[in-house]
Amino acid sequence: MMLVGPEDRGLFLIAGPCVVESADHAVMVAEMIQEALEPLGVDFVFKSSFDKANRTSIGSFRGIGMEKGLEALQTVKDRLGLKVLTDVHETAQVSTVAQVVDILQIPAFLCRQTDLLVEAGRSGLPVNIKKGQFMSPGDMRFSVAKVKSTGNDKVFLTERGTTLGYGNLVVDMRSILIMKAIGVPVVFDATHSVQLPGAAGGSSGGAREFVEPLAFAAVGAGCDGLFFEVHNDPDKAPCDGPNMITPMAFRRIVGTCLRIREAMRRSMTEGVWDG
């Protein structure tokens, strides 16, 4: 993969709490994720959002704002030596955010926003474009082209489910192969893919029990990386709690995913399935 960041055994990992709650909390969760991954010998990019602009209700928790949020992400970098990723929602945010983070992320609902994609590309940083819940995977080539029009070819896509009726998402694993054919790496967001948008009476619900099997399926389908929202106490998290997982669950899932990935690699290199 051409990304800036860890690439261990061919599986790129992004993990962290949905939203920055405080600098201390961000560091605590990042440390817990590090400790969870240590036995597996892999690293990760820390993800958390300073603002969750797309919320169901006006009263939903959005974050601690860009200034304090970026300070928290910088603290994670300084104390733990991790690379960090966060969302940008407006063109005016890009230059400031790019001074702190290592990867810019375009939220799913903004994946067609030309000015935002172009400005992110101009930063020179890797850009993660999350596939909109309303987008066909093949059409994501146009979003990629907008970033690449700036001369920045460090772009990748993240699958995070597709709207199915009201308050539900479904994952079509074919989308991983379709988007890989665009010529960019593809990450699977295992936690947002089990979100139930607007299904919790003024906020989004989730079906955490499906994170594990969907992650396994995505690795089997050939994704280049995995994205997990991880929290020390998901049931008490102010945002996206129903679909987030604990660090221990994260370690268990990633461990199995690495074994699946290794089995696939061996089958391809040793001709296990030949004949």
C-alpha atoms as a PDB file:
ATOM      1  CA  MET A   1       0.000   0.000   0.000  1.00  0.00           C
ATOM      2  CA  MET A   2       1.131   3.526  -0.665  1.00  0.00           C
ATOM      3  CA  LEU A   3      -0.172   4.967   2.575  1.00  0.00           C
ATOM      4  CA  VAL A   4       1.812   6.806   5.176  1.00  0.00           C
ATOM      5  CA  GLY A   5       1.468   4.719   8.299  1.00  0.00           C
ATOM      6  CA  PRO A   6       1.818   1.184   9.607  1.00  0.00           C
ATOM      7  CA  GLU A   7       1.395  -1.758   7.318  1.00  0.00           C
ATOM      8  CA  ASP A   8       1.836  -4.983   9.191  1.00  0.00           C
ATOM      9  CA  ARG A   9       1.494  -8.354   7.511  1.00  0.00           C
ATOM     10  CA  GLY A  10      -0.363  -6.550   4.747  1.00  0.00           C
ATOM     11  CA  LEU A  11      -3.201  -5.272   6.941  1.00  0.00           C
ATOM     12  CA  PHE A  12      -3.478  -1.543   7.592  1.00  0.00           C
ATOM     13  CA  LEU A  13      -5.239  -0.745  10.888  1.00  0.00           C
ATOM     14  CA  ILE A  14      -7.140   2.384  11.924  1.00  0.00           C
ATOM     15  CA  ALA A  15      -8.639   2.516  15.415  1.00  0.00           C
ATOM     16  CA  GLY A  16      -9.817   4.892  18.110  1.00  0.00           C
ATOM     17  CA  PRO A  17     -12.901   6.376  19.776  1.00  0.00           C
ATOM     18  CA  CYS A  18     -15.603   7.924  17.614  1.00  0.00           C
ATOM     19  CA  VAL A  19     -15.051  11.418  18.974  1.00  0.00           C
ATOM     20  CA  VAL A  20     -12.414  13.202  21.029  1.00  0.00           C
ATOM     21  CA  GLU A  21     -13.847  13.457  24.531  1.00  0.00           C
ATOM     22  CA  SER A  22     -10.718  14.926  26.127  1.00  0.00           C
ATOM     23  CA  ALA A  23      -6.948  14.737  25.710  1.00  0.00           C
ATOM     24  CA  ASP A  24      -6.646  12.397  28.689  1.00  0.00           C
ATOM     25  CA  HIS A  25      -9.342  10.081  27.342  1.00  0.00           C
ATOM     26  CA  ALA A  26      -7.790  10.007  23.871  1.00  0.00           C
ATOM     27  CA  VAL A  27      -4.396   9.074  25.306  1.00  0.00           C
ATOM     28  CA  MET A  28      -5.938   6.452  27.588  1.00  0.00           C
ATOM     29  CA  VAL A  29      -7.791   4.712  24.758  1.00  0.00           C
ATOM     30  CA  ALA A  30      -4.776   4.942  22.444  1.00  0.00           C
ATOM     31  CA  GLU A  31      -2.636   3.291  25.133  1.00  0.00           C
ATOM     32  CA  MET A  32      -5.236   0.555  25.608  1.00  0.00           C
ATOM     33  CA  ILE A  33      -5.256  -0.131  21.870  1.00  0.00           C
ATOM     34  CA  GLN A  34      -1.453  -0.226  21.802  1.00  0.00           C
ATOM     35  CA  GLU A  35      -1.419  -2.716  24.661  1.00  0.00           C
ATOM     36  CA  ALA A  36      -4.101  -4.832  22.991  1.00  0.00           C
ATOM     37  CA  LEU A  37      -2.099  -5.052  19.767  1.00  0.00           C
ATOM     38  CA  GLU A  38       1.301  -5.627  21.377  1.00  0.00           C
ATOM     39  CA  PRO A  39       0.966  -9.446  21.524  1.00  0.00           C
ATOM     40  CA  LEU A  40       0.073  -9.433  17.827  1.00  0.00           C
ATOM     41  CA  GLY A  41       3.141  -7.408  16.856  1.00  0.00           C
ATOM     42  CA  VAL A  42       1.171  -4.885  14.827  1.00  0.00           C
ATOM     43  CA  ASP A  43       0.717  -1.120  14.897  1.00  0.00           C
ATOM     44  CA  PHE A  44      -2.126   1.210  13.975  1.00  0.00           C
ATOM     45  CA  VAL A  45      -3.161   4.746  13.092  1.00  0.00           C
ATOM     46  CA  PHE A  46      -5.146   6.445  15.851  1.00  0.00           C
ATOM     47  CA  LYS A  47      -8.503   7.864  14.725  1.00  0.00           C
ATOM     48  CA  SER A  48     -10.817  10.239  16.544  1.00  0.00           C
ATOM     49  CA  SER A  49     -12.969  13.156  15.396  1.00  0.00           C
ATOM     50  CA  PHE A  50     -12.833  16.651  16.881  1.00  0.00           C
ATOM     51  CA  ASP A  51     -16.343  17.262  15.555  1.00  0.00           C
ATOM     52  CA  LYS A  52     -19.131  14.953  14.446  1.00  0.00           C
ATOM     53  CA  ALA A  53     -21.038  17.370  12.265  1.00  0.00           C
ATOM     54  CA  ASN A  54     -23.487  14.778  10.940  1.00  0.00           C
ATOM     55  CA  ARG A  55     -25.683  14.031  13.941  1.00  0.00           C
ATOM     56  CA  THR A  56     -29.289  12.898  14.114  1.00  0.00           C
ATOM     57  CA  SER A  57     -30.370  15.453  16.720  1.00  0.00           C
ATOM     58  CA  ILE A  58     -29.384  19.038  17.511  1.00  0.00           C
ATOM     59  CA  GLY A  59     -28.789  17.813  21.068  1.00  0.00           C
ATOM     60  CA  SER A  60     -26.358  15.046  20.097  1.00  0.00           C
ATOM     61  CA  PHE A  61     -22.797  15.291  21.395  1.00  0.00           C
ATOM     62  CA  ARG A  62     -20.497  16.534  18.627  1.00  0.00           C
ATOM     63  CA  GLY A  63     -17.101  16.760  20.272  1.00  0.00           C
ATOM     64  CA  ILE A  64     -14.883  19.336  21.943  1.00  0.00           C
ATOM     65  CA  GLY A  65     -14.213  21.516  18.913  1.00  0.00           C
ATOM     66  CA  MET A  66     -11.354  21.809  16.456  1.00  0.00           C
ATOM     67  CA  GLU A  67      -8.841  23.671  18.638  1.00  0.00           C
ATOM     68  CA  LYS A  68      -9.086  21.409  21.684  1.00  0.00           C
ATOM     69  CA  GLY A  69      -9.582  18.332  19.528  1.00  0.00           C
ATOM     70  CA  LEU A  70      -6.404  18.953  17.569  1.00  0.00           C
ATOM     71  CA  GLU A  71      -4.529  19.615  20.801  1.00  0.00           C
ATOM     72  CA  ALA A  72      -5.686  16.205  22.033  1.00  0.00           C
ATOM     73  CA  LEU A  73      -4.556  14.493  18.832  1.00  0.00           C
ATOM     74  CA  GLN A  74      -1.187  16.245  19.057  1.00  0.00           C
ATOM     75  CA  THR A  75      -0.873  14.969  22.628  1.00  0.00           C
ATOM     76  CA  VAL A  76      -1.478  11.407  21.417  1.00  0.00           C
ATOM     77  CA  LYS A  77       1.256  11.867  18.818  1.00  0.00           C
ATOM     78  CA  ASP A  78       3.714  13.392  21.265  1.00  0.00           C
ATOM     79  CA  ARG A  79       3.196  10.916  24.117  1.00  0.00           C
ATOM     80  CA  LEU A  80       2.753   7.689  22.187  1.00  0.00           C
ATOM     81  CA  GLY A  81       4.462   8.323  18.869  1.00  0.00           C
ATOM     82  CA  LEU A  82       1.390   7.336  16.882  1.00  0.00           C
ATOM     83  CA  LYS A  83       0.199   8.610  13.545  1.00  0.00           C
ATOM     84  CA  VAL A  84      -3.264  10.142  13.720  1.00  0.00           C
ATOM     85  CA  LEU A  85      -6.264  10.553  11.424  1.00  0.00           C
ATOM     86  CA  THR A  86      -9.301  12.820  11.713  1.00  0.00           C
ATOM     87  CA  ASP A  87     -12.208  14.141   9.652  1.00  0.00           C
ATOM     88  CA  VAL A  88     -12.496  17.486   7.925  1.00  0.00           C
ATOM     89  CA  HIS A  89     -15.937  18.868   7.108  1.00  0.00           C
ATOM     90  CA  GLU A  90     -15.173  22.216   5.486  1.00  0.00           C
ATOM     91  CA  THR A  91     -12.475  23.511   3.171  1.00  0.00           C
ATOM     92  CA  ALA A  92     -11.439  26.126   5.746  1.00  0.00           C
ATOM     93  CA  GLN A  93     -10.484  23.373   8.205  1.00  0.00           C
ATOM     94  CA  VAL A  94      -8.046  21.552   5.950  1.00  0.00           C
ATOM     95  CA  SER A  95      -4.908  23.699   6.276  1.00  0.00           C
ATOM     96  CA  THR A  96      -5.142  23.881  10.064  1.00  0.00           C
ATOM     97  CA  VAL A  97      -5.922  20.188  10.553  1.00  0.00           C
ATOM     98  CA  ALA A  98      -3.153  19.182   8.124  1.00  0.00           C
ATOM     99  CA  GLN A  99      -0.575  20.737  10.447  1.00  0.00           C
ATOM    100  CA  VAL A 100      -1.360  18.114  13.095  1.00  0.00           C
ATOM    101  CA  VAL A 101      -2.657  14.903  11.493  1.00  0.00           C
ATOM    102  CA  ASP A 102      -0.959  12.391   9.229  1.00  0.00           C
ATOM    103  CA  ILE A 103      -4.072  11.388   7.265  1.00  0.00           C
ATOM    104  CA  LEU A 104      -7.145  13.446   6.390  1.00  0.00           C
ATOM    105  CA  GLN A 105     -10.533  11.766   6.272  1.00  0.00           C
ATOM    106  CA  ILE A 106     -13.537  12.789   4.190  1.00  0.00           C
ATOM    107  CA  PRO A 107     -16.791  11.774   5.925  1.00  0.00           C
ATOM    108  CA  ALA A 108     -19.137   9.512   3.997  1.00  0.00           C
ATOM    109  CA  PHE A 109     -21.859  12.123   3.570  1.00  0.00           C
ATOM    110  CA  LEU A 110     -19.299  14.534   2.074  1.00  0.00           C
ATOM    111  CA  CYS A 111     -17.639  12.121  -0.356  1.00  0.00           C
ATOM    112  CA  ARG A 112     -18.979  14.035  -3.386  1.00  0.00           C
ATOM    113  CA  GLN A 113     -18.041  17.529  -2.146  1.00  0.00           C
ATOM    114  CA  THR A 114     -15.675  18.684  -4.879  1.00  0.00           C
ATOM    115  CA  ASP A 115     -14.142  21.677  -3.104  1.00  0.00           C
ATOM    116  CA  LEU A 116     -13.464  19.664   0.055  1.00  0.00           C
ATOM    117  CA  LEU A 117     -11.881  16.780  -1.856  1.00  0.00           C
ATOM    118  CA  VAL A 118      -9.686  19.108  -3.883  1.00  0.00           C
ATOM    119  CA  GLU A 119      -8.575  21.078  -0.828  1.00  0.00           C
ATOM    120  CA  ALA A 120      -7.747  17.849   1.000  1.00  0.00           C
ATOM    121  CA  GLY A 121      -5.711  16.731  -2.004  1.00  0.00           C
ATOM    122  CA  ARG A 122      -3.791  20.013  -2.022  1.00  0.00           C
ATOM    123  CA  SER A 123      -2.634  19.346   1.537  1.00  0.00           C
ATOM    124  CA  GLY A 124      -0.305  16.659   0.193  1.00  0.00           C
ATOM    125  CA  LEU A 125      -1.373  14.282   2.964  1.00  0.00           C
ATOM    126  CA  PRO A 126      -2.914  10.861   2.384  1.00  0.00           C
ATOM    127  CA  VAL A 127      -6.693  11.203   2.063  1.00  0.00           C
ATOM    128  CA  ASN A 128      -9.174   8.584   3.214  1.00  0.00           C
ATOM    129  CA  ILE A 129     -12.520   8.975   1.459  1.00  0.00           C
ATOM    130  CA  LYS A 130     -15.335   7.100   3.146  1.00  0.00           C
ATOM    131  CA  LYS A 131     -17.814   5.726   0.630  1.00  0.00           C
ATOM    132  CA  GLY A 132     -21.190   7.377   1.047  1.00  0.00           C
ATOM    133  CA  GLN A 133     -24.018   5.159   2.243  1.00  0.00           C
ATOM    134  CA  PHE A 134     -25.853   6.305  -0.880  1.00  0.00           C
ATOM    135  CA  MET A 135     -23.003   5.702  -3.363  1.00  0.00           C
ATOM    136  CA  SER A 136     -22.351   2.823  -5.709  1.00  0.00           C
ATOM    137  CA  PRO A 137     -18.786   1.572  -5.218  1.00  0.00           C
ATOM    138  CA  GLY A 138     -17.869   2.102  -8.870  1.00  0.00           C
ATOM    139  CA  ASP A 139     -18.826   5.770  -8.733  1.00  0.00           C
ATOM    140  CA  MET A 140     -16.225   6.380  -6.035  1.00  0.00           C
ATOM    141  CA  ARG A 141     -13.728   6.658  -8.884  1.00  0.00           C
ATOM    142  CA  PHE A 142     -14.968  10.192  -9.428  1.00  0.00           C
ATOM    143  CA  SER A 143     -14.220  11.150  -5.828  1.00  0.00           C
ATOM    144  CA  VAL A 144     -10.753   9.644  -6.157  1.00  0.00           C
ATOM    145  CA  ALA A 145     -10.191  11.597  -9.360  1.00  0.00           C
ATOM    146  CA  LYS A 146     -11.032  14.860  -7.608  1.00  0.00           C
ATOM    147  CA  VAL A 147      -8.257  14.300  -5.070  1.00  0.00           C
ATOM    148  CA  LYS A 148      -5.812  13.093  -7.710  1.00  0.00           C
ATOM    149  CA  SER A 149      -6.511  16.157  -9.862  1.00  0.00           C
ATOM    150  CA  THR A 150      -4.267  18.043  -7.426  1.00  0.00           C
ATOM    151  CA  GLY A 151      -1.319  15.748  -8.133  1.00  0.00           C
ATOM    152  CA  ASN A 152      -1.824  13.920  -4.837  1.00  0.00           C
ATOM    153  CA  ASP A 153      -2.128  10.191  -5.474  1.00  0.00           C
ATOM    154  CA  LYS A 154      -2.059   9.194  -1.786  1.00  0.00           C
ATOM    155  CA  VAL A 155      -5.753   8.390  -1.603  1.00  0.00           C
ATOM    156  CA  PHE A 156      -7.690   5.381  -0.367  1.00  0.00           C
ATOM    157  CA  LEU A 157     -11.313   4.416   0.098  1.00  0.00           C
ATOM    158  CA  THR A 158     -13.247   3.041   3.050  1.00  0.00           C
ATOM    159  CA  GLU A 159     -16.347   0.881   2.766  1.00  0.00           C
ATOM    160  CA  ARG A 160     -18.842   1.556   5.569  1.00  0.00           C
ATOM    161  CA  GLY A 161     -22.107   0.021   4.439  1.00  0.00           C
ATOM    162  CA  THR A 162     -24.967   1.050   2.186  1.00  0.00           C
ATOM    163  CA  THR A 163     -28.391   2.350   3.154  1.00  0.00           C
ATOM    164  CA  LEU A 164     -31.064  -0.353   3.064  1.00  0.00           C
ATOM    165  CA  GLY A 165     -34.490   1.117   3.716  1.00  0.00           C
ATOM    166  CA  TYR A 166     -34.918   3.201   6.847  1.00  0.00           C
ATOM    167  CA  GLY A 167     -32.531   2.960   9.770  1.00  0.00           C
ATOM    168  CA  ASN A 168     -30.443   0.111   8.402  1.00  0.00           C
ATOM    169  CA  LEU A 169     -27.226  -0.539   6.503  1.00  0.00           C
ATOM    170  CA  VAL A 170     -26.074  -3.575   4.570  1.00  0.00           C
ATOM    171  CA  VAL A 171     -22.572  -4.469   3.379  1.00  0.00           C
ATOM    172  CA  ASP A 172     -22.067  -5.724  -0.160  1.00  0.00           C
ATOM    173  CA  MET A 173     -18.632  -7.330  -0.024  1.00  0.00           C
ATOM    174  CA  ARG A 174     -18.365  -7.028  -3.800  1.00  0.00           C
ATOM    175  CA  SER A 175     -17.783  -3.322  -3.237  1.00  0.00           C
ATOM    176  CA  ILE A 176     -14.301  -4.049  -1.863  1.00  0.00           C
ATOM    177  CA  LEU A 177     -13.220  -5.634  -5.128  1.00  0.00           C
ATOM    178  CA  ILE A 178     -15.010  -3.020  -7.208  1.00  0.00           C
ATOM    179  CA  MET A 179     -13.253  -0.167  -5.428  1.00  0.00           C
ATOM    180  CA  LYS A 180      -9.883  -1.937  -5.484  1.00  0.00           C
ATOM    181  CA  ALA A 181     -10.284  -2.059  -9.272  1.00  0.00           C
ATOM    182  CA  ILE A 182     -10.255   1.756  -9.233  1.00  0.00           C
ATOM    183  CA  GLY A 183      -6.567   1.385  -8.380  1.00  0.00           C
ATOM    184  CA  VAL A 184      -6.522   2.486  -4.742  1.00  0.00           C
ATOM    185  CA  PRO A 185      -6.304   0.621  -1.423  1.00  0.00           C
ATOM    186  CA  VAL A 186      -9.616  -0.185   0.258  1.00  0.00           C
ATOM    187  CA  VAL A 187     -10.250  -0.258   3.999  1.00  0.00           C
ATOM    188  CA  PHE A 188     -13.298  -1.828   5.633  1.00  0.00           C
ATOM    189  CA  ASP A 189     -14.964   0.098   8.463  1.00  0.00           C
ATOM    190  CA  ALA A 190     -16.259  -2.761  10.572  1.00  0.00           C
ATOM    191  CA  THR A 191     -17.983  -0.650  13.223  1.00  0.00           C
ATOM    192  CA  HIS A 192     -19.761   2.040  11.195  1.00  0.00           C
ATOM    193  CA  SER A 193     -21.027  -0.716   8.922  1.00  0.00           C
ATOM    194  CA  VAL A 194     -23.207  -2.055  11.749  1.00  0.00           C
ATOM    195  CA  GLN A 195     -24.653   1.344  12.583  1.00  0.00           C
ATOM    196  CA  LEU A 196     -28.440   1.734  12.529  1.00  0.00           C
ATOM    197  CA  PRO A 197     -28.822   5.363  11.397  1.00  0.00           C
ATOM    198  CA  GLY A 198     -31.374   7.345  13.357  1.00  0.00           C
ATOM    199  CA  ALA A 199     -32.847   4.171  14.823  1.00  0.00           C
ATOM    200  CA  ALA A 200     -32.466   4.967  18.514  1.00  0.00           C
ATOM    201  CA  GLY A 201     -34.987   7.743  18.971  1.00  0.00           C
ATOM    202  CA  GLY A 202     -32.987  10.867  18.180  1.00  0.00           C
ATOM    203  CA  SER A 203     -29.644   9.109  17.758  1.00  0.00           C
ATOM    204  CA  SER A 204     -28.190   6.230  15.794  1.00  0.00           C
ATOM    205  CA  GLY A 205     -28.213   2.696  17.111  1.00  0.00           C
ATOM    206  CA  GLY A 206     -25.953  -0.185  16.243  1.00  0.00           C
ATOM    207  CA  ALA A 207     -25.617  -3.956  16.106  1.00  0.00           C
ATOM    208  CA  ARG A 208     -22.200  -4.588  17.658  1.00  0.00           C
ATOM    209  CA  GLU A 209     -22.574  -8.375  17.397  1.00  0.00           C
ATOM    210  CA  PHE A 210     -22.038  -8.179  13.631  1.00  0.00           C
ATOM    211  CA  VAL A 211     -18.682  -6.337  13.781  1.00  0.00           C
ATOM    212  CA  GLU A 212     -16.707  -9.562  14.098  1.00  0.00           C
ATOM    213  CA  PRO A 213     -18.211 -11.616  11.238  1.00  0.00           C
ATOM    214  CA  LEU A 214     -18.218  -8.642   8.887  1.00  0.00           C
ATOM    215  CA  ALA A 215     -14.543  -7.944   9.597  1.00  0.00           C
ATOM    216  CA  PHE A 216     -13.691 -11.586   8.865  1.00  0.00           C
ATOM    217  CA  ALA A 217     -15.677 -11.472   5.620  1.00  0.00           C
ATOM    218  CA  ALA A 218     -13.996  -8.234   4.514  1.00  0.00           C
ATOM    219  CA  VAL A 219     -10.531  -9.703   5.017  1.00  0.00           C
ATOM    220  CA  GLY A 220     -11.646 -12.738   3.055  1.00  0.00           C
ATOM    221  CA  ALA A 221     -12.856 -10.419   0.312  1.00  0.00           C
ATOM    222  CA  GLY A 222      -9.399  -8.873   0.072  1.00  0.00           C
ATOM    223  CA  CYS A 223      -9.583  -5.538   1.879  1.00  0.00           C
ATOM    224  CA  ASP A 224      -6.249  -3.798   2.440  1.00  0.00           C
ATOM    225  CA  GLY A 225      -7.072  -2.548   5.905  1.00  0.00           C
ATOM    226  CA  LEU A 226      -9.577  -2.436   8.730  1.00  0.00           C
ATOM    227  CA  PHE A 227     -11.150   0.476  10.587  1.00  0.00           C
ATOM    228  CA  PHE A 228     -12.605   0.062  14.077  1.00  0.00           C
ATOM    229  CA  GLU A 229     -14.047   2.553  16.513  1.00  0.00           C
ATOM    230  CA  VAL A 230     -12.735   1.440  19.894  1.00  0.00           C
ATOM    231  CA  HIS A 231     -13.762   2.747  23.322  1.00  0.00           C
ATOM    232  CA  ASN A 232     -12.950   1.747  26.902  1.00  0.00           C
ATOM    233  CA  ASP A 233     -16.667   1.718  27.803  1.00  0.00           C
ATOM    234  CA  PRO A 234     -18.779   1.725  24.617  1.00  0.00           C
ATOM    235  CA  ASP A 235     -22.123   1.576  26.408  1.00  0.00           C
ATOM    236  CA  LYS A 236     -21.363   4.895  28.118  1.00  0.00           C
ATOM    237  CA  ALA A 237     -19.766   6.601  25.120  1.00  0.00           C
ATOM    238  CA  PRO A 238     -21.362   9.929  24.107  1.00  0.00           C
ATOM    239  CA  CYS A 239     -21.311   9.030  20.415  1.00  0.00           C
ATOM    240  CA  ASP A 240     -21.644   5.798  18.388  1.00  0.00           C
ATOM    241  CA  GLY A 241     -21.572   3.624  21.494  1.00  0.00           C
ATOM    242  CA  PRO A 242     -23.829   0.835  20.154  1.00  0.00           C
ATOM    243  CA  ASN A 243     -21.424   0.000  17.345  1.00  0.00           C
ATOM    244  CA  MET A 244     -18.070   0.587  19.086  1.00  0.00           C
ATOM    245  CA  ILE A 245     -16.043  -2.251  20.611  1.00  0.00           C
ATOM    246  CA  THR A 246     -13.693  -2.615  23.574  1.00  0.00           C
ATOM    247  CA  PRO A 247      -9.907  -2.917  23.211  1.00  0.00           C
ATOM    248  CA  MET A 248     -10.071  -6.586  24.212  1.00  0.00           C
ATOM    249  CA  ALA A 249     -12.688  -7.355  21.580  1.00  0.00           C
ATOM    250  CA  PHE A 250     -10.568  -5.415  19.106  1.00  0.00           C
ATOM    251  CA  ARG A 251      -7.529  -7.595  19.853  1.00  0.00           C
ATOM    252  CA  ARG A 252      -9.512 -10.807  19.455  1.00  0.00           C
ATOM    253  CA  ILE A 253     -11.015  -9.716  16.145  1.00  0.00           C
ATOM    254  CA  VAL A 254      -7.753  -8.396  14.712  1.00  0.00           C
ATOM    255  CA  GLY A 255      -5.916 -11.537  15.771  1.00  0.00           C
ATOM    256  CA  THR A 256      -8.331 -13.705  13.823  1.00  0.00           C
ATOM    257  CA  CYS A 257      -8.266 -11.314  10.864  1.00  0.00           C
ATOM    258  CA  LEU A 258      -4.483 -11.600  10.702  1.00  0.00           C
ATOM    259  CA  ARG A 259      -4.760 -15.390  10.644  1.00  0.00           C
ATOM    260  CA  ILE A 260      -7.335 -15.205   7.864  1.00  0.00           C
ATOM    261  CA  ARG A 261      -5.068 -12.870   5.924  1.00  0.00           C
ATOM    262  CA  GLU A 262      -2.092 -15.169   6.406  1.00  0.00           C
ATOM    263  CA  ALA A 263      -4.088 -18.215   5.297  1.00  0.00           C
ATOM    264  CA  MET A 264      -5.116 -16.366   2.153  1.00  0.00           C
ATOM    265  CA  ARG A 265      -1.525 -15.331   1.457  1.00  0.00           C
ATOM    266  CA  ARG A 266      -0.306 -18.903   1.848  1.00  0.00           C
ATOM    267  CA  SER A 267      -3.033 -20.289  -0.377  1.00  0.00           C
ATOM    268  CA  MET A 268      -2.012 -17.881  -3.119  1.00  0.00           C
ATOM    269  CA  THR A 269       1.738 -18.377  -2.825  1.00  0.00           C
ATOM    270  CA  GLU A 270       1.721 -22.136  -2.257  1.00  0.00           C
ATOM    271  CA  GLY A 271      -1.057 -23.013  -4.686  1.00  0.00           C
ATOM    272  CA  VAL A 272      -3.204 -24.656  -2.016  1.00  0.00           C
ATOM    273  CA  TRP A 273      -6.307 -24.459  -4.189  1.00  0.00           C
ATOM    274  CA  ASP A 274      -4.665 -25.468  -7.463  1.00  0.00           C
ATOM    275  CA  GLY A 275      -6.335 -28.439  -9.111  1.00  0.00           C
END
